[in-house]
Amino acid sequence: MRVIYDQETDILSLILREEKIKESEEIREGVIIDYGKDGRVVSIEMLDASENVVAPQGIYYELKEPGMALAYA
């Protein structure tokens, strides 16, 4: 999995699988889901990322341990 933020275009991409994109769908304004030939999600793109993400040039990665629940405030 890769996360790419392009400052020039202000696009944040989450690439889940390295595969050719067959189809794309804009599920909401500025949020695009890309699908592979098998219909599974390949990547997610967010346009105008700096308007939607607090710090698009930084990332916090957390790996959940088995059996532990995540709590959000």
PDB file of N, CA and C in Angstrom:
ATOM      1  N   MET A   1       0.852  -1.173   0.000  1.00  0.00           N
ATOM      2  CA  MET A   1       0.000   0.000   0.000  1.00  0.00           C
ATOM      3  C   MET A   1       0.897   1.236   0.000  1.00  0.00           C
ATOM      4  N   ARG A   2       0.515   2.223  -0.787  1.00  0.00           N
ATOM      5  CA  ARG A   2       1.268   3.477  -0.853  1.00  0.00           C
ATOM      6  C   ARG A   2       0.314   4.653  -0.707  1.00  0.00           C
ATOM      7  N   VAL A   3       0.806   5.707  -0.076  1.00  0.00           N
ATOM      8  CA  VAL A   3       0.072   6.964   0.028  1.00  0.00           C
ATOM      9  C   VAL A   3       0.918   8.023  -0.655  1.00  0.00           C
ATOM     10  N   ILE A   4       0.314   8.744  -1.606  1.00  0.00           N
ATOM     11  CA  ILE A   4       1.041   9.769  -2.351  1.00  0.00           C
ATOM     12  C   ILE A   4       0.253  11.077  -2.264  1.00  0.00           C
ATOM     13  N   TYR A   5       0.954  12.152  -1.896  1.00  0.00           N
ATOM     14  CA  TYR A   5       0.340  13.479  -1.942  1.00  0.00           C
ATOM     15  C   TYR A   5       1.114  14.302  -2.951  1.00  0.00           C
ATOM     16  N   ASP A   6       0.431  14.781  -3.972  1.00  0.00           N
ATOM     17  CA  ASP A   6       1.031  15.617  -5.006  1.00  0.00           C
ATOM     18  C   ASP A   6       0.659  17.070  -4.704  1.00  0.00           C
ATOM     19  N   GLN A   7       1.639  17.837  -4.221  1.00  0.00           N
ATOM     20  CA  GLN A   7       1.372  19.232  -3.854  1.00  0.00           C
ATOM     21  C   GLN A   7       0.972  20.073  -5.055  1.00  0.00           C
ATOM     22  N   GLU A   8       1.528  19.774  -6.207  1.00  0.00           N
ATOM     23  CA  GLU A   8       1.242  20.567  -7.403  1.00  0.00           C
ATOM     24  C   GLU A   8      -0.224  20.445  -7.821  1.00  0.00           C
ATOM     25  N   THR A   9      -0.773  19.231  -7.784  1.00  0.00           N
ATOM     26  CA  THR A   9      -2.168  19.027  -8.181  1.00  0.00           C
ATOM     27  C   THR A   9      -3.116  18.998  -6.985  1.00  0.00           C
ATOM     28  N   ASP A  10      -2.575  18.927  -5.761  1.00  0.00           N
ATOM     29  CA  ASP A  10      -3.336  18.843  -4.516  1.00  0.00           C
ATOM     30  C   ASP A  10      -4.229  17.601  -4.497  1.00  0.00           C
ATOM     31  N   ILE A  11      -3.632  16.469  -4.938  1.00  0.00           N
ATOM     32  CA  ILE A  11      -4.343  15.188  -4.959  1.00  0.00           C
ATOM     33  C   ILE A  11      -3.663  14.222  -3.997  1.00  0.00           C
ATOM     34  N   LEU A  12      -4.477  13.596  -3.148  1.00  0.00           N
ATOM     35  CA  LEU A  12      -4.006  12.574  -2.234  1.00  0.00           C
ATOM     36  C   LEU A  12      -4.477  11.227  -2.773  1.00  0.00           C
ATOM     37  N   SER A  13      -3.543  10.306  -2.978  1.00  0.00           N
ATOM     38  CA  SER A  13      -3.872   8.989  -3.529  1.00  0.00           C
ATOM     39  C   SER A  13      -3.474   7.902  -2.543  1.00  0.00           C
ATOM     40  N   LEU A  14      -4.364   6.960  -2.364  1.00  0.00           N
ATOM     41  CA  LEU A  14      -4.105   5.772  -1.567  1.00  0.00           C
ATOM     42  C   LEU A  14      -4.138   4.599  -2.545  1.00  0.00           C
ATOM     43  N   ILE A  15      -2.957   4.043  -2.836  1.00  0.00           N
ATOM     44  CA  ILE A  15      -2.855   2.943  -3.782  1.00  0.00           C
ATOM     45  C   ILE A  15      -2.833   1.643  -2.993  1.00  0.00           C
ATOM     46  N   LEU A  16      -3.847   0.835  -3.185  1.00  0.00           N
ATOM     47  CA  LEU A  16      -3.990  -0.408  -2.447  1.00  0.00           C
ATOM     48  C   LEU A  16      -3.322  -1.580  -3.149  1.00  0.00           C
ATOM     49  N   ARG A  17      -3.384  -1.577  -4.468  1.00  0.00           N
ATOM     50  CA  ARG A  17      -2.800  -2.658  -5.265  1.00  0.00           C
ATOM     51  C   ARG A  17      -2.176  -2.070  -6.523  1.00  0.00           C
ATOM     52  N   GLU A  18      -1.034  -2.602  -6.915  1.00  0.00           N
ATOM     53  CA  GLU A  18      -0.366  -2.175  -8.148  1.00  0.00           C
ATOM     54  C   GLU A  18      -1.000  -2.940  -9.302  1.00  0.00           C
ATOM     55  N   GLU A  19      -2.013  -2.343  -9.888  1.00  0.00           N
ATOM     56  CA  GLU A  19      -2.759  -2.989 -10.954  1.00  0.00           C
ATOM     57  C   GLU A  19      -3.320  -1.924 -11.880  1.00  0.00           C
ATOM     58  N   LYS A  20      -3.480  -2.272 -13.132  1.00  0.00           N
ATOM     59  CA  LYS A  20      -4.047  -1.344 -14.104  1.00  0.00           C
ATOM     60  C   LYS A  20      -5.505  -1.042 -13.748  1.00  0.00           C
ATOM     61  N   ILE A  21      -5.885   0.215 -13.847  1.00  0.00           N
ATOM     62  CA  ILE A  21      -7.244   0.653 -13.532  1.00  0.00           C
ATOM     63  C   ILE A  21      -8.139   0.418 -14.747  1.00  0.00           C
ATOM     64  N   LYS A  22      -9.250  -0.274 -14.515  1.00  0.00           N
ATOM     65  CA  LYS A  22     -10.204  -0.526 -15.588  1.00  0.00           C
ATOM     66  C   LYS A  22     -11.333   0.489 -15.584  1.00  0.00           C
ATOM     67  N   GLU A  23     -11.730   0.920 -14.387  1.00  0.00           N
ATOM     68  CA  GLU A  23     -12.898   1.785 -14.256  1.00  0.00           C
ATOM     69  C   GLU A  23     -12.736   2.687 -13.042  1.00  0.00           C
ATOM     70  N   SER A  24     -13.274   3.889 -13.128  1.00  0.00           N
ATOM     71  CA  SER A  24     -13.238   4.839 -12.010  1.00  0.00           C
ATOM     72  C   SER A  24     -14.648   5.353 -11.751  1.00  0.00           C
ATOM     73  N   GLU A  25     -14.915   5.650 -10.477  1.00  0.00           N
ATOM     74  CA  GLU A  25     -16.225   6.169 -10.098  1.00  0.00           C
ATOM     75  C   GLU A  25     -16.036   7.290  -9.075  1.00  0.00           C
ATOM     76  N   GLU A  26     -16.621   8.449  -9.344  1.00  0.00           N
ATOM     77  CA  GLU A  26     -16.584   9.550  -8.384  1.00  0.00           C
ATOM     78  C   GLU A  26     -17.774   9.357  -7.443  1.00  0.00           C
ATOM     79  N   ILE A  27     -17.494   8.857  -6.233  1.00  0.00           N
ATOM     80  CA  ILE A  27     -18.579   8.514  -5.310  1.00  0.00           C
ATOM     81  C   ILE A  27     -19.172   9.728  -4.608  1.00  0.00           C
ATOM     82  N   ARG A  28     -18.368  10.747  -4.470  1.00  0.00           N
ATOM     83  CA  ARG A  28     -18.794  12.065  -3.976  1.00  0.00           C
ATOM     84  C   ARG A  28     -17.914  13.076  -4.679  1.00  0.00           C
ATOM     85  N   GLU A  29     -18.293  14.320  -4.627  1.00  0.00           N
ATOM     86  CA  GLU A  29     -17.497  15.343  -5.298  1.00  0.00           C
ATOM     87  C   GLU A  29     -16.062  15.314  -4.775  1.00  0.00           C
ATOM     88  N   GLY A  30     -15.124  15.031  -5.675  1.00  0.00           N
ATOM     89  CA  GLY A  30     -13.714  15.049  -5.326  1.00  0.00           C
ATOM     90  C   GLY A  30     -13.167  13.767  -4.724  1.00  0.00           C
ATOM     91  N   VAL A  31     -13.981  12.712  -4.632  1.00  0.00           N
ATOM     92  CA  VAL A  31     -13.514  11.421  -4.101  1.00  0.00           C
ATOM     93  C   VAL A  31     -13.742  10.369  -5.190  1.00  0.00           C
ATOM     94  N   ILE A  32     -12.641   9.803  -5.677  1.00  0.00           N
ATOM     95  CA  ILE A  32     -12.693   8.875  -6.804  1.00  0.00           C
ATOM     96  C   ILE A  32     -12.175   7.506  -6.370  1.00  0.00           C
ATOM     97  N   ILE A  33     -12.934   6.479  -6.691  1.00  0.00           N
ATOM     98  CA  ILE A  33     -12.533   5.102  -6.431  1.00  0.00           C
ATOM     99  C   ILE A  33     -12.174   4.480  -7.780  1.00  0.00           C
ATOM    100  N   ASP A  34     -10.994   3.861  -7.850  1.00  0.00           N
ATOM    101  CA  ASP A  34     -10.539   3.186  -9.058  1.00  0.00           C
ATOM    102  C   ASP A  34     -10.633   1.679  -8.861  1.00  0.00           C
ATOM    103  N   TYR A  35     -11.114   0.985  -9.884  1.00  0.00           N
ATOM    104  CA  TYR A  35     -11.318  -0.459  -9.821  1.00  0.00           C
ATOM    105  C   TYR A  35     -10.471  -1.175 -10.863  1.00  0.00           C
ATOM    106  N   GLY A  36     -10.044  -2.386 -10.535  1.00  0.00           N
ATOM    107  CA  GLY A  36      -9.302  -3.220 -11.467  1.00  0.00           C
ATOM    108  C   GLY A  36     -10.242  -4.056 -12.307  1.00  0.00           C
ATOM    109  N   LYS A  37      -9.668  -4.899 -13.173  1.00  0.00           N
ATOM    110  CA  LYS A  37     -10.487  -5.720 -14.071  1.00  0.00           C
ATOM    111  C   LYS A  37     -11.361  -6.725 -13.317  1.00  0.00           C
ATOM    112  N   ASP A  38     -10.972  -7.079 -12.081  1.00  0.00           N
ATOM    113  CA  ASP A  38     -11.758  -8.014 -11.279  1.00  0.00           C
ATOM    114  C   ASP A  38     -12.845  -7.321 -10.456  1.00  0.00           C
ATOM    115  N   GLY A  39     -12.952  -5.977 -10.575  1.00  0.00           N
ATOM    116  CA  GLY A  39     -13.964  -5.216  -9.859  1.00  0.00           C
ATOM    117  C   GLY A  39     -13.571  -4.797  -8.455  1.00  0.00           C
ATOM    118  N   ARG A  40     -12.377  -5.218  -8.015  1.00  0.00           N
ATOM    119  CA  ARG A  40     -11.910  -4.851  -6.678  1.00  0.00           C
ATOM    120  C   ARG A  40     -11.258  -3.466  -6.702  1.00  0.00           C
ATOM    121  N   VAL A  41     -11.281  -2.789  -5.555  1.00  0.00           N
ATOM    122  CA  VAL A  41     -10.714  -1.444  -5.444  1.00  0.00           C
ATOM    123  C   VAL A  41      -9.193  -1.503  -5.602  1.00  0.00           C
ATOM    124  N   VAL A  42      -8.676  -0.642  -6.470  1.00  0.00           N
ATOM    125  CA  VAL A  42      -7.236  -0.533  -6.707  1.00  0.00           C
ATOM    126  C   VAL A  42      -6.683   0.682  -5.971  1.00  0.00           C
ATOM    127  N   SER A  43      -7.413   1.805  -6.044  1.00  0.00           N
ATOM    128  CA  SER A  43      -6.935   3.023  -5.388  1.00  0.00           C
ATOM    129  C   SER A  43      -8.093   3.959  -5.082  1.00  0.00           C
ATOM    130  N   ILE A  44      -7.808   4.917  -4.194  1.00  0.00           N
ATOM    131  CA  ILE A  44      -8.757   5.959  -3.813  1.00  0.00           C
ATOM    132  C   ILE A  44      -8.038   7.285  -3.973  1.00  0.00           C
ATOM    133  N   GLU A  45      -8.677   8.234  -4.636  1.00  0.00           N
ATOM    134  CA  GLU A  45      -8.074   9.548  -4.849  1.00  0.00           C
ATOM    135  C   GLU A  45      -8.965  10.626  -4.240  1.00  0.00           C
ATOM    136  N   MET A  46      -8.342  11.618  -3.631  1.00  0.00           N
ATOM    137  CA  MET A  46      -9.064  12.755  -3.091  1.00  0.00           C
ATOM    138  C   MET A  46      -8.533  14.019  -3.759  1.00  0.00           C
ATOM    139  N   LEU A  47      -9.405  14.703  -4.491  1.00  0.00           N
ATOM    140  CA  LEU A  47      -9.043  15.971  -5.117  1.00  0.00           C
ATOM    141  C   LEU A  47      -9.147  17.080  -4.078  1.00  0.00           C
ATOM    142  N   ASP A  48      -8.398  18.159  -4.274  1.00  0.00           N
ATOM    143  CA  ASP A  48      -8.398  19.287  -3.329  1.00  0.00           C
ATOM    144  C   ASP A  48      -8.130  18.798  -1.909  1.00  0.00           C
ATOM    145  N   ALA A  49      -7.134  17.956  -1.783  1.00  0.00           N
ATOM    146  CA  ALA A  49      -6.830  17.290  -0.507  1.00  0.00           C
ATOM    147  C   ALA A  49      -6.552  18.270   0.622  1.00  0.00           C
ATOM    148  N   SER A  50      -5.875  19.366   0.340  1.00  0.00           N
ATOM    149  CA  SER A  50      -5.529  20.312   1.409  1.00  0.00           C
ATOM    150  C   SER A  50      -6.763  20.951   2.036  1.00  0.00           C
ATOM    151  N   GLU A  51      -7.894  20.908   1.343  1.00  0.00           N
ATOM    152  CA  GLU A  51      -9.142  21.434   1.887  1.00  0.00           C
ATOM    153  C   GLU A  51      -9.842  20.412   2.783  1.00  0.00           C
ATOM    154  N   ASN A  52      -9.436  19.140   2.688  1.00  0.00           N
ATOM    155  CA  ASN A  52     -10.120  18.064   3.398  1.00  0.00           C
ATOM    156  C   ASN A  52      -9.264  17.347   4.432  1.00  0.00           C
ATOM    157  N   VAL A  53      -7.957  17.465   4.323  1.00  0.00           N
ATOM    158  CA  VAL A  53      -7.038  16.761   5.207  1.00  0.00           C
ATOM    159  C   VAL A  53      -6.216  17.795   5.964  1.00  0.00           C
ATOM    160  N   VAL A  54      -6.085  17.627   7.272  1.00  0.00           N
ATOM    161  CA  VAL A  54      -5.384  18.602   8.101  1.00  0.00           C
ATOM    162  C   VAL A  54      -3.943  18.823   7.627  1.00  0.00           C
ATOM    163  N   ALA A  55      -3.199  17.745   7.425  1.00  0.00           N
ATOM    164  CA  ALA A  55      -1.804  17.850   6.994  1.00  0.00           C
ATOM    165  C   ALA A  55      -1.537  16.796   5.919  1.00  0.00           C
ATOM    166  N   PRO A  56      -1.904  17.075   4.653  1.00  0.00           N
ATOM    167  CA  PRO A  56      -1.771  16.061   3.609  1.00  0.00           C
ATOM    168  C   PRO A  56      -0.326  15.649   3.334  1.00  0.00           C
ATOM    169  N   GLN A  57       0.643  16.469   3.714  1.00  0.00           N
ATOM    170  CA  GLN A  57       2.039  16.118   3.479  1.00  0.00           C
ATOM    171  C   GLN A  57       2.629  15.252   4.590  1.00  0.00           C
ATOM    172  N   GLY A  58       1.846  14.943   5.617  1.00  0.00           N
ATOM    173  CA  GLY A  58       2.293  14.069   6.700  1.00  0.00           C
ATOM    174  C   GLY A  58       1.313  12.922   6.864  1.00  0.00           C
ATOM    175  N   ILE A  59       1.780  11.838   7.460  1.00  0.00           N
ATOM    176  CA  ILE A  59       0.898  10.695   7.641  1.00  0.00           C
ATOM    177  C   ILE A  59       1.210  10.020   8.977  1.00  0.00           C
ATOM    178  N   TYR A  60       0.166   9.559   9.632  1.00  0.00           N
ATOM    179  CA  TYR A  60       0.306   8.779  10.853  1.00  0.00           C
ATOM    180  C   TYR A  60      -0.222   7.397  10.522  1.00  0.00           C
ATOM    181  N   TYR A  61       0.595   6.400  10.720  1.00  0.00           N
ATOM    182  CA  TYR A  61       0.229   5.031  10.387  1.00  0.00           C
ATOM    183  C   TYR A  61       0.102   4.224  11.664  1.00  0.00           C
ATOM    184  N   GLU A  62      -0.995   3.511  11.803  1.00  0.00           N
ATOM    185  CA  GLU A  62      -1.214   2.703  12.995  1.00  0.00           C
ATOM    186  C   GLU A  62      -1.641   1.310  12.570  1.00  0.00           C
ATOM    187  N   LEU A  63      -0.991   0.316  13.103  1.00  0.00           N
ATOM    188  CA  LEU A  63      -1.330  -1.070  12.832  1.00  0.00           C
ATOM    189  C   LEU A  63      -2.054  -1.626  14.046  1.00  0.00           C
ATOM    190  N   LYS A  64      -3.302  -2.011  13.855  1.00  0.00           N
ATOM    191  CA  LYS A  64      -4.116  -2.529  14.952  1.00  0.00           C
ATOM    192  C   LYS A  64      -3.645  -3.936  15.303  1.00  0.00           C
ATOM    193  N   GLU A  65      -3.448  -4.171  16.588  1.00  0.00           N
ATOM    194  CA  GLU A  65      -3.053  -5.496  17.056  1.00  0.00           C
ATOM    195  C   GLU A  65      -4.277  -6.392  17.111  1.00  0.00           C
ATOM    196  N   PRO A  66      -4.107  -7.680  16.825  1.00  0.00           N
ATOM    197  CA  PRO A  66      -5.246  -8.607  16.874  1.00  0.00           C
ATOM    198  C   PRO A  66      -5.918  -8.575  18.256  1.00  0.00           C
ATOM    199  N   GLY A  67      -7.247  -8.529  18.237  1.00  0.00           N
ATOM    200  CA  GLY A  67      -8.010  -8.553  19.484  1.00  0.00           C
ATOM    201  C   GLY A  67      -8.165  -7.203  20.162  1.00  0.00           C
ATOM    202  N   MET A  68      -7.548  -6.149  19.633  1.00  0.00           N
ATOM    203  CA  MET A  68      -7.675  -4.818  20.229  1.00  0.00           C
ATOM    204  C   MET A  68      -8.623  -3.969  19.415  1.00  0.00           C
ATOM    205  N   ALA A  69      -9.500  -3.282  20.082  1.00  0.00           N
ATOM    206  CA  ALA A  69     -10.438  -2.399  19.410  1.00  0.00           C
ATOM    207  C   ALA A  69      -9.878  -0.984  19.416  1.00  0.00           C
ATOM    208  N   LEU A  70     -10.151  -0.238  18.351  1.00  0.00           N
ATOM    209  CA  LEU A  70      -9.752   1.162  18.298  1.00  0.00           C
ATOM    210  C   LEU A  70     -10.906   2.018  18.784  1.00  0.00           C
ATOM    211  N   ALA A  71     -10.609   3.013  19.600  1.00  0.00           N
ATOM    212  CA  ALA A  71     -11.633   3.919  20.100  1.00  0.00           C
ATOM    213  C   ALA A  71     -11.388   5.307  19.530  1.00  0.00           C
ATOM    214  N   TYR A  72     -12.438   5.956  19.097  1.00  0.00           N
ATOM    215  CA  TYR A  72     -12.338   7.301  18.554  1.00  0.00           C
ATOM    216  C   TYR A  72     -13.174   8.242  19.398  1.00  0.00           C
ATOM    217  N   ALA A  73     -12.646   9.438  19.628  1.00  0.00           N
ATOM    218  CA  ALA A  73     -13.385  10.431  20.417  1.00  0.00           C
ATOM    219  C   ALA A  73     -14.129  11.357  19.501  1.00  0.00           C
TER     220      ALA A  73
END
